[in-house]
Amino acid sequence: MDTGTHLVMGIAIGGLTLVDPVVANSTATTTAVIAGVIIGSQAPDIDTILKLRNNAVYIRHHRGITHSIPAVILWPLLISLVLFLLIPSANLLHLWLWTFFAVALHVFVDIFNAYGTQALRPFSKKWIALGMINTFDPIIFGLHVIAIMIWAFGANPVITMFSLYAILTVYYIIRYALHHAVIHAVKNTIPDADIILLSPTRYFFQYRIAANSSTHHYVGRAYGRSITLLDKFLIEPLPDTPEFHAAMQTPDLQSFISFSPLYRFEIRDIEDDLKEIRLIDLRYRSNNRYPFVAVAVIDPSLTVVRSFTGWIFSEEKLQSKLEEESNNS
């Protein structure tokens, strides 16, 4: 989920912690625990700072090790110990338990996005992305804001937050059923599809669709069970050429393929005998464009003169980014 949603979830969990008598009956423990769950609800996304380095590092590692099994164990320990040093009269065990709950819930809800997480590391580096909930879901965010406002106006926080999460449990069940219905509709539209990836949008019934058969890539959208196919591309084997192999060694393209499960490629000649090799993720079609790409430009000596990976929504912006990378290298 997005940062704002994780923040309101942390505040809501803070209200829920008051169901615990040890928390509710100690001002020090209440203060520490509410701080712990708010910090814990944000902690796994600390890897967002990798954007300051470059897109390739960020894409390769975001929601990776910081969302892994060891991290889910270590974040609560670290946060709890720091808060206990600041508030030594707090109950350390209950501080750790509630902080662990907040961290684990953060990782759990991220699994439902199309982006996903590497939550099974170190046992598997596979991205787990169920594609049922948009990264920003206005219903989830809005219900949290409403519940927090009700609490702020004096309602019992335990009853309020239990009601909130009961409603959200039903909401997730509905989203699961809708996701399953859309998958079934795609299979009816593309009977030989062996890979189907859904990316929920902010609109309840609308999904982006990317699918593979044995011969073609398909891109489309769904409104409920109504499927519209927008693009169809012949699946071609990756080129076995020196230029392509050189491009695939760049950090930008390596990060792209570590994250993208369904993409196509384009190769074109450009100025000064250069070749541009472009990988295009098919999951995020928007305004007739595919904004998530990786690009490498190769000269005749097989040197990568510039490369880039990330979300770009115009060709002009992409070329500008490539020029920036060339100037910085």
Protein backbone atom coordinates (compact mmCIF):
# COMPACT_ATOMS: atom_id res chain seq x y z
CA MET A 1 0.00 0.00 0.00
CA ASP A 2 1.01 3.66 -0.24
CA THR A 3 2.62 5.60 2.60
CA GLY A 4 -0.58 7.43 3.52
CA THR A 5 -2.56 4.21 3.89
CA HIS A 6 0.15 2.62 6.01
CA LEU A 7 0.12 5.73 8.23
CA VAL A 8 -3.64 5.67 8.88
CA MET A 9 -3.42 1.91 9.44
CA GLY A 10 -0.78 2.53 12.12
CA ILE A 11 -3.01 5.08 13.86
CA ALA A 12 -5.99 2.70 13.67
CA ILE A 13 -3.94 -0.14 15.14
CA GLY A 14 -2.98 2.27 17.92
CA GLY A 15 -6.65 2.50 18.85
CA LEU A 16 -7.02 -1.25 18.62
CA THR A 17 -4.15 -1.81 21.09
CA LEU A 18 -6.33 -0.42 23.89
CA VAL A 19 -8.17 -3.75 23.92
CA ASP A 20 -5.07 -5.01 25.76
CA PRO A 21 -5.45 -4.27 29.52
CA VAL A 22 -1.69 -4.03 29.95
CA VAL A 23 -1.63 -1.23 27.37
CA ALA A 24 -4.85 0.49 28.45
CA ASN A 25 -3.93 0.62 32.16
CA SER A 26 -0.47 2.16 31.77
CA THR A 27 0.09 5.60 30.31
CA ALA A 28 3.74 4.79 29.60
CA THR A 29 2.88 1.54 27.84
CA THR A 30 0.06 3.20 25.88
CA THR A 31 2.43 5.93 24.66
CA ALA A 32 5.17 3.47 23.72
CA VAL A 33 2.83 0.99 22.03
CA ILE A 34 1.00 3.59 19.95
CA ALA A 35 4.36 5.02 18.87
CA GLY A 36 5.57 1.47 18.14
CA VAL A 37 2.66 0.52 15.92
CA ILE A 38 2.77 3.79 13.97
CA ILE A 39 6.52 3.45 13.38
CA GLY A 40 6.17 -0.28 12.71
CA SER A 41 3.47 0.35 10.12
CA GLN A 42 5.99 2.47 8.17
CA ALA A 43 9.31 0.73 8.89
CA PRO A 44 9.36 -1.83 6.02
CA ASP A 45 9.13 1.00 3.49
CA ILE A 46 12.37 2.60 4.68
CA ASP A 47 13.91 1.19 1.48
CA THR A 48 12.13 4.01 -0.39
CA ILE A 49 15.29 5.97 0.39
CA LEU A 50 16.97 3.90 -2.33
CA LYS A 51 15.31 6.22 -4.86
CA LEU A 52 17.98 8.74 -3.91
CA ARG A 53 20.59 6.41 -5.38
CA ASN A 54 18.94 5.44 -8.66
CA ASN A 55 15.87 3.75 -10.09
CA ALA A 56 17.65 0.48 -10.85
CA VAL A 57 18.64 -0.06 -7.21
CA TYR A 58 15.21 1.02 -5.97
CA ILE A 59 13.27 -1.27 -8.32
CA ARG A 60 15.48 -4.24 -7.58
CA HIS A 61 15.29 -3.90 -3.79
CA HIS A 62 12.05 -2.07 -2.88
CA ARG A 63 9.77 -4.40 -0.91
CA GLY A 64 12.56 -6.96 -0.93
CA ILE A 65 14.70 -7.63 2.12
CA THR A 66 12.86 -5.00 4.22
CA HIS A 67 9.64 -7.02 3.76
CA SER A 68 11.27 -10.43 4.29
CA ILE A 69 10.77 -12.94 7.10
CA PRO A 70 13.95 -11.84 8.96
CA ALA A 71 12.90 -8.19 8.64
CA VAL A 72 9.43 -8.89 10.07
CA ILE A 73 11.22 -10.35 13.11
CA LEU A 74 13.97 -7.71 13.39
CA TRP A 75 11.94 -4.53 12.85
CA PRO A 76 9.77 -5.04 15.98
CA LEU A 77 12.83 -5.91 18.07
CA LEU A 78 14.70 -2.80 16.98
CA ILE A 79 11.72 -0.44 17.33
CA SER A 80 10.69 -1.88 20.69
CA LEU A 81 14.19 -1.67 22.17
CA VAL A 82 14.64 1.96 21.08
CA LEU A 83 11.24 2.96 22.49
CA PHE A 84 11.90 1.03 25.71
CA LEU A 85 15.14 2.97 26.18
CA LEU A 86 13.13 6.19 25.81
CA ILE A 87 10.21 5.00 27.97
CA PRO A 88 11.71 2.40 30.38
CA SER A 89 8.51 2.05 32.44
CA ALA A 90 6.63 0.66 29.43
CA ASN A 91 5.89 -3.07 29.24
CA LEU A 92 8.50 -4.38 26.80
CA LEU A 93 6.71 -7.64 25.95
CA HIS A 94 3.43 -6.00 24.97
CA LEU A 95 5.30 -3.23 23.17
CA TRP A 96 7.06 -5.88 21.07
CA LEU A 97 3.90 -7.91 20.44
CA TRP A 98 1.89 -4.97 19.11
CA THR A 99 4.79 -3.61 17.08
CA PHE A 100 5.26 -7.07 15.56
CA PHE A 101 1.55 -7.09 14.65
CA ALA A 102 1.86 -3.71 12.89
CA VAL A 103 4.95 -4.74 10.90
CA ALA A 104 3.46 -8.10 9.91
CA LEU A 105 0.20 -6.45 8.83
CA HIS A 106 2.14 -4.00 6.66
CA VAL A 107 3.84 -6.84 4.78
CA PHE A 108 0.62 -8.87 4.60
CA VAL A 109 -1.47 -6.13 2.96
CA ASP A 110 1.31 -5.34 0.48
CA ILE A 111 1.02 -8.89 -0.87
CA PHE A 112 -2.43 -8.03 -2.24
CA ASN A 113 -1.05 -5.33 -4.60
CA ALA A 114 0.09 -5.94 -8.16
CA TYR A 115 3.57 -4.73 -7.13
CA GLY A 116 3.84 -7.35 -4.38
CA THR A 117 6.72 -8.17 -2.03
CA GLN A 118 9.48 -10.73 -1.59
CA ALA A 119 7.90 -11.77 1.71
CA LEU A 120 9.29 -15.33 1.58
CA ARG A 121 12.95 -14.29 1.55
CA PRO A 122 15.40 -15.84 2.37
CA PHE A 123 13.60 -19.04 1.30
CA SER A 124 12.51 -17.61 -2.05
CA LYS A 125 13.13 -14.39 -3.98
CA LYS A 126 9.87 -14.83 -5.88
CA TRP A 127 7.65 -11.76 -5.94
CA ILE A 128 4.29 -12.47 -4.28
CA ALA A 129 1.74 -10.17 -5.91
CA LEU A 130 -1.90 -11.25 -5.73
CA GLY A 131 -3.14 -8.27 -7.76
CA MET A 132 -6.39 -7.82 -5.82
CA ILE A 133 -5.99 -4.35 -4.30
CA ASN A 134 -4.57 -1.17 -5.84
CA THR A 135 -1.51 0.33 -4.14
CA PHE A 136 -3.80 3.19 -3.16
CA ASP A 137 -7.33 1.99 -2.52
CA PRO A 138 -9.63 4.96 -1.76
CA ILE A 139 -12.13 2.74 0.06
CA ILE A 140 -9.49 1.32 2.45
CA PHE A 141 -7.94 4.74 3.02
CA GLY A 142 -11.31 6.47 3.42
CA LEU A 143 -12.65 3.93 5.92
CA HIS A 144 -9.53 4.34 8.04
CA VAL A 145 -9.86 8.14 8.00
CA ILE A 146 -13.55 7.91 8.98
CA ALA A 147 -12.76 5.51 11.85
CA ILE A 148 -9.95 7.75 13.14
CA MET A 149 -12.26 10.79 13.03
CA ILE A 150 -14.95 8.88 14.94
CA TRP A 151 -12.33 8.00 17.56
CA ALA A 152 -11.16 11.62 17.69
CA PHE A 153 -14.73 12.73 18.45
CA GLY A 154 -14.82 10.51 21.53
CA ALA A 155 -16.02 7.08 20.40
CA ASN A 156 -14.62 3.95 22.02
CA PRO A 157 -11.44 3.21 20.00
CA VAL A 158 -11.62 -0.56 20.51
CA ILE A 159 -15.19 -0.88 19.24
CA THR A 160 -14.48 1.59 16.42
CA MET A 161 -11.38 -0.19 15.17
CA PHE A 162 -12.83 -3.67 15.54
CA SER A 163 -15.77 -2.50 13.44
CA LEU A 164 -13.38 -1.01 10.89
CA TYR A 165 -11.42 -4.23 10.46
CA ALA A 166 -14.56 -6.37 10.38
CA ILE A 167 -15.80 -4.24 7.46
CA LEU A 168 -12.40 -4.44 5.76
CA THR A 169 -12.33 -8.22 6.14
CA VAL A 170 -15.62 -8.39 4.24
CA TYR A 171 -14.22 -5.93 1.68
CA TYR A 172 -11.15 -8.13 1.06
CA ILE A 173 -13.40 -11.16 0.59
CA ILE A 174 -15.43 -9.23 -1.99
CA ARG A 175 -12.24 -8.15 -3.79
CA TYR A 176 -11.06 -11.76 -3.84
CA ALA A 177 -14.36 -12.88 -5.39
CA LEU A 178 -14.20 -10.09 -7.99
CA HIS A 179 -10.57 -10.95 -8.82
CA HIS A 180 -11.52 -14.60 -9.32
CA ALA A 181 -14.46 -13.58 -11.55
CA VAL A 182 -12.22 -11.39 -13.75
CA ILE A 183 -9.63 -14.18 -14.10
CA HIS A 184 -12.42 -16.53 -15.22
CA ALA A 185 -13.67 -13.93 -17.72
CA VAL A 186 -10.15 -13.50 -19.16
CA LYS A 187 -9.85 -17.28 -19.59
CA ASN A 188 -13.13 -17.26 -21.49
CA THR A 189 -11.81 -14.46 -23.73
CA ILE A 190 -8.33 -15.99 -24.20
CA PRO A 191 -8.90 -19.74 -23.82
CA ASP A 192 -5.23 -20.66 -24.29
CA ALA A 193 -3.88 -18.09 -21.79
CA ASP A 194 -1.32 -19.68 -19.48
CA ILE A 195 -0.33 -16.50 -17.61
CA ILE A 196 -2.88 -13.92 -16.47
CA LEU A 197 -1.83 -10.88 -14.44
CA LEU A 198 -4.34 -8.37 -13.10
CA SER A 199 -3.49 -4.87 -11.90
CA PRO A 200 -6.37 -3.29 -9.97
CA THR A 201 -7.02 0.40 -10.53
CA ARG A 202 -8.44 2.89 -8.06
CA TYR A 203 -11.88 2.17 -9.48
CA PHE A 204 -13.66 -0.75 -7.87
CA PHE A 205 -14.59 -2.75 -10.98
CA GLN A 206 -11.70 -1.78 -13.28
CA TYR A 207 -8.55 -3.85 -13.83
CA ARG A 208 -5.62 -3.75 -16.21
CA ILE A 209 -4.94 -7.12 -17.82
CA ALA A 210 -1.71 -8.62 -19.14
CA ALA A 211 -1.74 -12.21 -20.34
CA ASN A 212 0.32 -14.71 -22.29
CA SER A 213 -0.68 -17.60 -24.46
CA SER A 214 1.83 -19.93 -26.08
CA THR A 215 2.10 -17.55 -29.06
CA HIS A 216 1.02 -14.05 -28.06
CA HIS A 217 1.09 -11.33 -25.39
CA TYR A 218 -2.33 -9.79 -24.72
CA VAL A 219 -3.06 -6.48 -23.02
CA GLY A 220 -6.50 -5.28 -22.07
CA ARG A 221 -8.80 -3.94 -19.43
CA ALA A 222 -11.72 -5.32 -17.49
CA TYR A 223 -14.82 -3.67 -16.14
CA GLY A 224 -16.23 -6.39 -13.96
CA ARG A 225 -16.54 -9.43 -16.21
CA SER A 226 -16.49 -7.36 -19.40
CA ILE A 227 -13.10 -7.82 -21.06
CA THR A 228 -11.70 -5.50 -23.73
CA LEU A 229 -8.45 -6.49 -25.46
CA LEU A 230 -6.40 -3.46 -26.46
CA ASP A 231 -3.11 -4.87 -27.80
CA LYS A 232 -1.82 -8.20 -29.07
CA PHE A 233 1.87 -8.92 -29.68
CA LEU A 234 3.54 -11.99 -31.13
CA ILE A 235 5.86 -13.60 -28.57
CA GLU A 236 9.39 -13.57 -29.94
CA PRO A 237 12.46 -15.23 -28.41
CA LEU A 238 14.99 -12.86 -26.88
CA PRO A 239 17.65 -12.03 -29.49
CA ASP A 240 20.91 -13.96 -29.31
CA THR A 241 23.05 -11.04 -30.44
CA PRO A 242 26.13 -9.35 -28.94
CA GLU A 243 24.25 -6.04 -28.62
CA PHE A 244 21.37 -7.60 -26.72
CA HIS A 245 23.67 -9.53 -24.40
CA ALA A 246 25.63 -6.34 -23.68
CA ALA A 247 22.42 -4.47 -22.88
CA MET A 248 21.20 -7.22 -20.56
CA GLN A 249 24.32 -6.79 -18.41
CA THR A 250 23.36 -3.26 -17.39
CA PRO A 251 21.96 -2.76 -13.86
CA ASP A 252 18.90 -1.05 -15.33
CA LEU A 253 17.82 -3.99 -17.48
CA GLN A 254 18.78 -6.53 -14.82
CA SER A 255 16.62 -4.71 -12.27
CA PHE A 256 13.76 -4.59 -14.75
CA ILE A 257 13.77 -8.34 -15.48
CA SER A 258 14.13 -9.19 -11.77
CA PHE A 259 10.84 -7.39 -11.17
CA SER A 260 8.79 -7.71 -14.34
CA PRO A 261 7.14 -11.09 -15.01
CA LEU A 262 5.66 -10.20 -18.41
CA TYR A 263 7.38 -7.96 -20.93
CA ARG A 264 8.27 -7.59 -24.59
CA PHE A 265 11.29 -6.04 -26.31
CA GLU A 266 11.98 -3.59 -29.11
CA ILE A 267 15.27 -2.94 -30.93
CA ARG A 268 15.80 0.02 -33.23
CA ASP A 269 18.66 1.82 -34.91
CA ILE A 270 19.10 5.43 -33.88
CA GLU A 271 21.62 8.18 -34.66
CA ASP A 272 25.41 7.68 -34.90
CA ASP A 273 25.17 3.91 -35.53
CA LEU A 274 23.71 3.37 -32.07
CA LYS A 275 21.14 0.71 -31.21
CA GLU A 276 18.39 1.20 -28.66
CA ILE A 277 17.18 -1.91 -26.83
CA ARG A 278 13.96 -1.44 -24.90
CA LEU A 279 12.13 -3.78 -22.53
CA ILE A 280 8.47 -2.93 -21.98
CA ASP A 281 6.40 -4.15 -19.03
CA LEU A 282 2.91 -4.99 -20.28
CA ARG A 283 1.08 -4.70 -16.94
CA TYR A 284 0.72 -0.93 -16.68
CA ARG A 285 -0.78 0.31 -19.96
CA SER A 286 -2.03 3.88 -19.46
CA ASN A 287 -3.18 6.44 -22.03
CA ASN A 288 -2.05 4.17 -24.89
CA ARG A 289 1.47 3.95 -23.44
CA TYR A 290 3.45 1.41 -21.46
CA PRO A 291 5.14 3.61 -18.86
CA PHE A 292 7.35 1.07 -17.09
CA VAL A 293 10.38 0.42 -19.31
CA ALA A 294 14.09 -0.33 -19.33
CA VAL A 295 16.26 1.11 -22.10
CA ALA A 296 19.91 0.66 -23.04
CA VAL A 297 21.70 2.41 -25.90
CA ILE A 298 24.64 0.46 -27.37
CA ASP A 299 27.42 1.76 -29.61
CA PRO A 300 29.18 -0.34 -32.31
CA SER A 301 31.89 -1.36 -29.83
CA LEU A 302 29.17 -2.90 -27.59
CA THR A 303 29.58 -0.19 -24.98
CA VAL A 304 26.42 0.94 -23.17
CA VAL A 305 26.47 4.70 -23.65
CA ARG A 306 23.30 5.34 -21.63
CA SER A 307 20.56 3.37 -19.92
CA PHE A 308 17.49 3.90 -17.76
CA THR A 309 14.68 2.03 -16.05
CA GLY A 310 11.54 3.38 -14.42
CA TRP A 311 8.08 4.81 -15.01
CA ILE A 312 8.01 7.37 -17.83
CA PHE A 313 4.79 8.75 -19.34
CA SER A 314 6.10 10.43 -22.49
CA GLU A 315 8.78 9.70 -25.07
CA GLU A 316 10.23 13.18 -24.57
CA LYS A 317 10.67 12.57 -20.85
CA LEU A 318 12.31 9.21 -21.53
CA GLN A 319 14.83 10.71 -23.91
CA SER A 320 15.52 13.47 -21.40
CA LYS A 321 16.17 10.87 -18.68
CA LEU A 322 18.51 8.95 -20.97
CA GLU A 323 20.42 12.14 -21.70
CA GLU A 324 20.69 12.86 -17.98
CA GLU A 325 22.06 9.34 -17.37
CA SER A 326 24.57 9.85 -20.19
CA ASN A 327 25.76 13.15 -18.69
CA ASN A 328 26.05 11.61 -15.19
CA SER A 329 28.01 8.56 -16.29
